[in-house]
Amino acid sequence: MPPLEPMARGRPVISTRAQAIREVLADAAFFVPFRDPGAIADAAESLLRQPSLRADLAARGLEHAAQFSWEKAAEATLAVYRELTG
């Protein structure tokens, strides 16, 4: 959920390509290789220099983050508990 917080506020997100995070963020983030400070710096520079890229990621992030909520997470967790307990 932490990377979704800036998305929900209209901020572009730079994230690593870790599989679980990539699944959550879908195509709404700027992905860089894991543990590559140079790639993070390059991504940040790209976002600073390209307002259209920054705006596109911000818009996609807002739309994507709207699919998630703590209420939905709680409901899904409760459904799993109910399924496991019969």
N, C-alpha and C. Protein backbone atom coordinates (compact mmCIF):
# COMPACT_ATOMS: atom_id res chain seq x y z
N MET A 1 0.79 -1.21 0.00
CA MET A 1 0.00 0.00 0.00
C MET A 1 0.84 1.28 0.00
N PRO A 2 2.03 1.34 0.60
CA PRO A 2 2.76 2.61 0.63
C PRO A 2 2.97 3.28 -0.74
N PRO A 3 3.31 2.55 -1.81
CA PRO A 3 3.48 3.26 -3.08
C PRO A 3 2.17 3.82 -3.64
N LEU A 4 1.04 3.29 -3.18
CA LEU A 4 -0.25 3.80 -3.66
C LEU A 4 -0.60 5.14 -3.04
N GLU A 5 -0.03 5.45 -1.88
CA GLU A 5 -0.36 6.70 -1.20
C GLU A 5 0.01 7.93 -2.03
N PRO A 6 1.23 8.04 -2.57
CA PRO A 6 1.51 9.21 -3.41
C PRO A 6 0.68 9.20 -4.68
N MET A 7 0.40 8.01 -5.22
CA MET A 7 -0.44 7.93 -6.42
C MET A 7 -1.81 8.53 -6.14
N ALA A 8 -2.37 8.21 -4.98
CA ALA A 8 -3.70 8.70 -4.62
C ALA A 8 -3.71 10.21 -4.43
N ARG A 9 -2.53 10.81 -4.32
CA ARG A 9 -2.42 12.26 -4.18
C ARG A 9 -1.93 12.94 -5.45
N GLY A 10 -1.94 12.17 -6.55
CA GLY A 10 -1.58 12.74 -7.84
C GLY A 10 -0.09 12.94 -8.06
N ARG A 11 0.71 12.14 -7.38
CA ARG A 11 2.17 12.24 -7.52
C ARG A 11 2.69 11.06 -8.34
N PRO A 12 3.61 11.30 -9.26
CA PRO A 12 4.21 10.18 -9.99
C PRO A 12 5.07 9.35 -9.05
N VAL A 13 5.14 8.06 -9.31
CA VAL A 13 5.87 7.14 -8.45
C VAL A 13 7.00 6.48 -9.22
N ILE A 14 8.18 6.44 -8.60
CA ILE A 14 9.32 5.69 -9.11
C ILE A 14 9.45 4.48 -8.19
N SER A 15 9.52 3.31 -8.77
CA SER A 15 9.56 2.08 -7.97
C SER A 15 10.50 1.06 -8.60
N THR A 16 10.93 0.11 -7.78
CA THR A 16 11.73 -0.98 -8.33
C THR A 16 10.83 -1.96 -9.08
N ARG A 17 11.46 -2.85 -9.80
CA ARG A 17 10.72 -3.84 -10.59
C ARG A 17 10.41 -5.11 -9.79
N ALA A 18 10.46 -5.04 -8.48
CA ALA A 18 10.14 -6.22 -7.66
C ALA A 18 8.74 -6.70 -8.04
N GLN A 19 8.59 -8.00 -8.21
CA GLN A 19 7.36 -8.57 -8.75
C GLN A 19 6.11 -8.16 -7.99
N ALA A 20 6.12 -8.28 -6.67
CA ALA A 20 4.91 -7.96 -5.91
C ALA A 20 4.52 -6.50 -6.07
N ILE A 21 5.50 -5.62 -6.06
CA ILE A 21 5.20 -4.19 -6.22
C ILE A 21 4.71 -3.91 -7.64
N ARG A 22 5.32 -4.55 -8.60
CA ARG A 22 4.92 -4.35 -9.99
C ARG A 22 3.47 -4.78 -10.20
N GLU A 23 3.07 -5.87 -9.53
CA GLU A 23 1.69 -6.32 -9.63
C GLU A 23 0.73 -5.29 -9.07
N VAL A 24 1.10 -4.66 -7.97
CA VAL A 24 0.22 -3.67 -7.33
C VAL A 24 0.16 -2.37 -8.15
N LEU A 25 1.29 -1.94 -8.66
CA LEU A 25 1.35 -0.64 -9.34
C LEU A 25 0.98 -0.70 -10.82
N ALA A 26 0.97 -1.90 -11.39
CA ALA A 26 0.61 -2.10 -12.80
C ALA A 26 1.44 -1.19 -13.71
N ASP A 27 0.78 -0.43 -14.57
CA ASP A 27 1.50 0.44 -15.51
C ASP A 27 1.46 1.90 -15.08
N ALA A 28 1.24 2.13 -13.79
CA ALA A 28 1.05 3.50 -13.31
C ALA A 28 2.27 4.06 -12.58
N ALA A 29 3.43 3.44 -12.78
CA ALA A 29 4.65 3.92 -12.11
C ALA A 29 5.82 3.86 -13.08
N PHE A 30 6.87 4.58 -12.74
CA PHE A 30 8.13 4.55 -13.49
C PHE A 30 8.99 3.49 -12.80
N PHE A 31 9.26 2.38 -13.47
CA PHE A 31 9.98 1.27 -12.86
C PHE A 31 11.47 1.31 -13.20
N VAL A 32 12.28 1.02 -12.19
CA VAL A 32 13.73 0.99 -12.33
C VAL A 32 14.25 -0.34 -11.75
N PRO A 33 15.45 -0.75 -12.14
CA PRO A 33 16.02 -1.97 -11.58
C PRO A 33 16.24 -1.86 -10.07
N PHE A 34 16.13 -2.97 -9.39
CA PHE A 34 16.34 -3.04 -7.95
C PHE A 34 17.76 -2.66 -7.60
N ARG A 35 17.92 -1.87 -6.56
CA ARG A 35 19.23 -1.45 -6.04
C ARG A 35 20.12 -0.79 -7.10
N ASP A 36 19.54 0.12 -7.84
CA ASP A 36 20.30 0.84 -8.87
C ASP A 36 20.09 2.34 -8.68
N PRO A 37 20.91 2.95 -7.81
CA PRO A 37 20.74 4.38 -7.53
C PRO A 37 20.82 5.25 -8.78
N GLY A 38 21.65 4.87 -9.73
CA GLY A 38 21.76 5.65 -10.96
C GLY A 38 20.46 5.64 -11.74
N ALA A 39 19.79 4.50 -11.77
CA ALA A 39 18.51 4.40 -12.48
C ALA A 39 17.44 5.23 -11.78
N ILE A 40 17.48 5.25 -10.45
CA ILE A 40 16.52 6.08 -9.71
C ILE A 40 16.76 7.55 -10.03
N ALA A 41 18.01 7.96 -10.03
CA ALA A 41 18.35 9.35 -10.35
C ALA A 41 17.93 9.70 -11.77
N ASP A 42 18.18 8.79 -12.72
CA ASP A 42 17.77 9.03 -14.11
C ASP A 42 16.26 9.16 -14.23
N ALA A 43 15.53 8.30 -13.50
CA ALA A 43 14.07 8.36 -13.54
C ALA A 43 13.57 9.68 -12.97
N ALA A 44 14.15 10.11 -11.86
CA ALA A 44 13.76 11.38 -11.26
C ALA A 44 14.05 12.54 -12.21
N GLU A 45 15.20 12.49 -12.85
CA GLU A 45 15.55 13.54 -13.81
C GLU A 45 14.57 13.54 -14.99
N SER A 46 14.20 12.36 -15.47
CA SER A 46 13.23 12.27 -16.56
C SER A 46 11.90 12.90 -16.17
N LEU A 47 11.46 12.61 -14.95
CA LEU A 47 10.20 13.19 -14.49
C LEU A 47 10.30 14.71 -14.33
N LEU A 48 11.45 15.19 -13.89
CA LEU A 48 11.62 16.64 -13.74
C LEU A 48 11.69 17.35 -15.08
N ARG A 49 12.32 16.72 -16.06
CA ARG A 49 12.53 17.35 -17.36
C ARG A 49 11.37 17.16 -18.34
N GLN A 50 10.50 16.20 -18.05
CA GLN A 50 9.41 15.89 -18.98
C GLN A 50 8.05 16.07 -18.30
N PRO A 51 7.53 17.27 -18.32
CA PRO A 51 6.24 17.51 -17.67
C PRO A 51 5.12 16.61 -18.19
N SER A 52 5.16 16.26 -19.47
CA SER A 52 4.09 15.40 -20.01
C SER A 52 4.18 14.00 -19.42
N LEU A 53 5.39 13.48 -19.24
CA LEU A 53 5.56 12.16 -18.61
C LEU A 53 5.10 12.22 -17.16
N ARG A 54 5.48 13.27 -16.48
CA ARG A 54 5.09 13.45 -15.07
C ARG A 54 3.57 13.52 -14.96
N ALA A 55 2.93 14.28 -15.83
CA ALA A 55 1.46 14.42 -15.80
C ALA A 55 0.78 13.10 -16.15
N ASP A 56 1.33 12.39 -17.11
CA ASP A 56 0.75 11.10 -17.51
C ASP A 56 0.81 10.10 -16.36
N LEU A 57 1.97 9.99 -15.73
CA LEU A 57 2.09 9.06 -14.60
C LEU A 57 1.20 9.48 -13.44
N ALA A 58 1.11 10.76 -13.18
CA ALA A 58 0.25 11.25 -12.11
C ALA A 58 -1.21 10.89 -12.38
N ALA A 59 -1.66 11.08 -13.61
CA ALA A 59 -3.05 10.77 -13.97
C ALA A 59 -3.31 9.27 -13.89
N ARG A 60 -2.39 8.47 -14.44
CA ARG A 60 -2.56 7.02 -14.37
C ARG A 60 -2.54 6.54 -12.93
N GLY A 61 -1.67 7.16 -12.11
CA GLY A 61 -1.58 6.79 -10.71
C GLY A 61 -2.86 7.09 -9.95
N LEU A 62 -3.44 8.26 -10.17
CA LEU A 62 -4.71 8.61 -9.52
C LEU A 62 -5.80 7.60 -9.86
N GLU A 63 -5.90 7.29 -11.13
CA GLU A 63 -6.92 6.33 -11.59
C GLU A 63 -6.67 4.94 -10.99
N HIS A 64 -5.43 4.53 -11.01
CA HIS A 64 -5.09 3.20 -10.51
C HIS A 64 -5.30 3.09 -9.00
N ALA A 65 -4.86 4.09 -8.26
CA ALA A 65 -4.98 4.06 -6.80
C ALA A 65 -6.43 4.04 -6.34
N ALA A 66 -7.32 4.58 -7.15
CA ALA A 66 -8.74 4.60 -6.79
C ALA A 66 -9.33 3.20 -6.67
N GLN A 67 -8.65 2.21 -7.24
CA GLN A 67 -9.13 0.83 -7.17
C GLN A 67 -8.87 0.20 -5.80
N PHE A 68 -8.05 0.84 -4.99
CA PHE A 68 -7.63 0.28 -3.71
C PHE A 68 -8.18 1.11 -2.56
N SER A 69 -8.50 0.43 -1.46
CA SER A 69 -8.89 1.13 -0.24
C SER A 69 -8.66 0.19 0.93
N TRP A 70 -8.57 0.77 2.11
CA TRP A 70 -8.42 -0.07 3.30
C TRP A 70 -9.67 -0.89 3.52
N GLU A 71 -10.82 -0.34 3.17
CA GLU A 71 -12.07 -1.09 3.31
C GLU A 71 -12.07 -2.34 2.43
N LYS A 72 -11.64 -2.19 1.18
CA LYS A 72 -11.57 -3.34 0.28
C LYS A 72 -10.55 -4.37 0.79
N ALA A 73 -9.43 -3.90 1.31
CA ALA A 73 -8.42 -4.81 1.85
C ALA A 73 -8.98 -5.57 3.04
N ALA A 74 -9.71 -4.89 3.92
CA ALA A 74 -10.31 -5.56 5.08
C ALA A 74 -11.36 -6.58 4.64
N GLU A 75 -12.18 -6.22 3.66
CA GLU A 75 -13.20 -7.14 3.16
C GLU A 75 -12.55 -8.39 2.55
N ALA A 76 -11.49 -8.20 1.78
CA ALA A 76 -10.80 -9.34 1.17
C ALA A 76 -10.17 -10.23 2.24
N THR A 77 -9.59 -9.63 3.25
CA THR A 77 -8.99 -10.40 4.35
C THR A 77 -10.06 -11.19 5.08
N LEU A 78 -11.17 -10.56 5.37
CA LEU A 78 -12.27 -11.24 6.06
C LEU A 78 -12.81 -12.40 5.22
N ALA A 79 -12.88 -12.21 3.92
CA ALA A 79 -13.35 -13.29 3.03
C ALA A 79 -12.41 -14.49 3.09
N VAL A 80 -11.12 -14.23 3.14
CA VAL A 80 -10.15 -15.34 3.25
C VAL A 80 -10.33 -16.05 4.58
N TYR A 81 -10.48 -15.29 5.66
CA TYR A 81 -10.68 -15.91 6.98
C TYR A 81 -11.94 -16.77 7.00
N ARG A 82 -13.01 -16.26 6.41
CA ARG A 82 -14.26 -17.01 6.36
C ARG A 82 -14.10 -18.30 5.55
N GLU A 83 -13.39 -18.20 4.45
CA GLU A 83 -13.17 -19.39 3.60
C GLU A 83 -12.34 -20.42 4.36
N LEU A 84 -11.34 -19.98 5.08
CA LEU A 84 -10.46 -20.91 5.81
C LEU A 84 -11.15 -21.57 7.00
N THR A 85 -12.08 -20.84 7.59
CA THR A 85 -12.75 -21.39 8.77
C THR A 85 -14.05 -22.12 8.43
N GLY A 86 -14.40 -22.10 7.16
CA GLY A 86 -15.57 -22.85 6.71
C GLY A 86 -16.84 -22.17 7.05
